[in-house]
Amino acid sequence: MKATIWHNPKCGTSRKTLAILEETPDVAVTVVEYLKNPPTAAKLAQLYADAGITPQQGLRMRGTDAAERGLPEADAQAVLAAMAAEPILIERPLVETDKGVRLCRPQETVHEIL
């Protein structure tokens, strides 16, 4: 099985999720450091749709100015555009496999798509 993780190596939850993926037999992991290589707004829209969540639910609030900017109340397109322009606004880690997409908070959530 192939798995792609949108990863921030400074995030403990992201590191723990990556460790689960790497320790799972027969999983080929692609790591995307999204702060260096941010996904497009279109890719984010696809990831959130496949995860069954809204872009607002994928918005990182802690350590960002998302609330001050009114992003939690903004429409989906505005949130996606802000995330694509400033990837620090993306909550992490997002993991995509053939079985679906999950925002892996807590990290054990990744087991749902393995």
Protein backbone atom coordinates (compact mmCIF):
# COMPACT_ATOMS: atom_id res chain seq x y z
CA MET A 1 0.00 0.00 0.00
CA LYS A 2 1.11 3.53 -0.75
CA ALA A 3 0.74 6.30 1.83
CA THR A 4 1.49 10.00 1.53
CA ILE A 5 1.92 12.08 4.67
CA TRP A 6 1.87 15.88 4.66
CA HIS A 7 4.41 16.20 7.43
CA ASN A 8 5.99 18.80 9.69
CA PRO A 9 9.10 17.29 11.29
CA LYS A 10 8.83 19.79 14.19
CA CYS A 11 5.40 18.42 15.18
CA GLY A 12 5.32 15.53 17.65
CA THR A 13 1.98 14.19 16.38
CA SER A 14 3.27 14.29 12.82
CA ARG A 15 6.46 12.44 13.81
CA LYS A 16 4.45 9.79 15.70
CA THR A 17 2.12 9.31 12.73
CA LEU A 18 5.10 8.93 10.39
CA ALA A 19 6.58 6.34 12.75
CA ILE A 20 3.33 4.32 12.62
CA LEU A 21 3.41 4.41 8.82
CA GLU A 22 7.08 3.40 8.68
CA GLU A 23 6.53 0.53 11.15
CA THR A 24 3.54 -0.88 9.26
CA PRO A 25 4.52 -3.75 6.95
CA ASP A 26 3.93 -3.31 3.22
CA VAL A 27 3.40 0.47 3.41
CA ALA A 28 5.47 2.57 1.02
CA VAL A 29 5.57 6.05 2.52
CA THR A 30 6.00 9.31 0.64
CA VAL A 31 6.80 12.21 2.94
CA VAL A 32 5.86 15.71 1.84
CA GLU A 33 7.20 18.46 4.08
CA TYR A 34 4.27 20.72 3.36
CA LEU A 35 5.90 23.87 4.77
CA LYS A 36 8.59 23.51 2.08
CA ASN A 37 6.33 22.05 -0.64
CA PRO A 38 2.79 23.25 0.06
CA PRO A 39 -0.15 21.58 -1.62
CA THR A 40 -2.28 23.61 -3.99
CA ALA A 41 -5.72 24.82 -2.98
CA ALA A 42 -7.17 22.20 -5.35
CA LYS A 43 -5.18 19.39 -3.71
CA LEU A 44 -6.23 20.56 -0.26
CA ALA A 45 -9.87 20.65 -1.38
CA GLN A 46 -9.55 17.05 -2.62
CA LEU A 47 -7.84 15.91 0.61
CA TYR A 48 -10.50 17.47 2.84
CA ALA A 49 -13.34 16.15 0.68
CA ASP A 50 -11.85 12.65 0.80
CA ALA A 51 -11.40 12.96 4.58
CA GLY A 52 -15.02 14.06 4.96
CA ILE A 53 -14.10 17.34 6.65
CA THR A 54 -14.35 21.00 5.70
CA PRO A 55 -11.34 23.21 5.03
CA GLN A 56 -12.28 25.06 8.22
CA GLN A 57 -11.92 21.79 10.15
CA GLY A 58 -8.45 21.39 8.64
CA LEU A 59 -7.40 24.88 9.71
CA ARG A 60 -4.58 25.12 12.23
CA MET A 61 -5.59 27.54 14.94
CA ARG A 62 -2.80 27.09 17.49
CA GLY A 63 0.25 29.20 16.78
CA THR A 64 -1.35 31.00 13.82
CA ASP A 65 -3.31 34.18 13.22
CA ALA A 66 -6.22 32.28 11.65
CA ALA A 67 -8.75 33.50 14.22
CA GLU A 68 -7.65 37.12 13.96
CA ARG A 69 -8.02 36.90 10.19
CA GLY A 70 -11.55 35.53 10.49
CA LEU A 71 -10.67 32.31 8.69
CA PRO A 72 -12.82 29.98 10.84
CA GLU A 73 -15.88 31.88 9.58
CA ALA A 74 -14.62 32.42 6.02
CA ASP A 75 -15.89 30.43 3.07
CA ALA A 76 -14.06 27.30 1.95
CA GLN A 77 -12.37 28.95 -1.04
CA ALA A 78 -10.92 31.73 1.12
CA VAL A 79 -9.62 29.20 3.66
CA LEU A 80 -8.06 27.03 0.94
CA ALA A 81 -6.42 30.05 -0.70
CA ALA A 82 -4.98 31.18 2.65
CA MET A 83 -3.64 27.67 3.37
CA ALA A 84 -2.02 27.38 -0.06
CA ALA A 85 -0.39 30.80 0.37
CA GLU A 86 0.63 30.20 4.01
CA PRO A 87 0.93 26.47 4.68
CA ILE A 88 1.48 27.04 8.42
CA LEU A 89 -2.34 27.34 8.47
CA ILE A 90 -2.72 23.65 7.52
CA GLU A 91 -3.38 21.36 10.49
CA ARG A 92 -1.15 18.33 10.38
CA PRO A 93 -0.57 15.58 9.64
CA LEU A 94 -2.76 14.68 6.71
CA VAL A 95 -2.32 11.12 5.43
CA GLU A 96 -3.66 9.76 2.15
CA THR A 97 -3.84 6.08 1.18
CA ASP A 98 -5.94 4.07 -1.26
CA LYS A 99 -8.42 3.64 1.61
CA GLY A 100 -8.94 7.36 2.17
CA VAL A 101 -7.59 10.46 3.85
CA ARG A 102 -7.41 11.34 7.52
CA LEU A 103 -6.29 14.30 9.56
CA CYS A 104 -4.34 12.20 12.03
CA ARG A 105 -5.01 13.95 15.31
CA PRO A 106 -4.59 11.84 17.36
CA GLN A 107 -1.97 9.87 15.48
CA GLU A 108 -3.81 6.55 15.99
CA THR A 109 -6.41 7.81 13.49
CA VAL A 110 -4.03 6.71 10.72
CA HIS A 111 -4.97 3.06 11.42
CA GLU A 112 -8.43 3.76 9.91
CA ILE A 113 -6.87 4.00 6.44
CA LEU A 114 -4.19 1.30 6.65
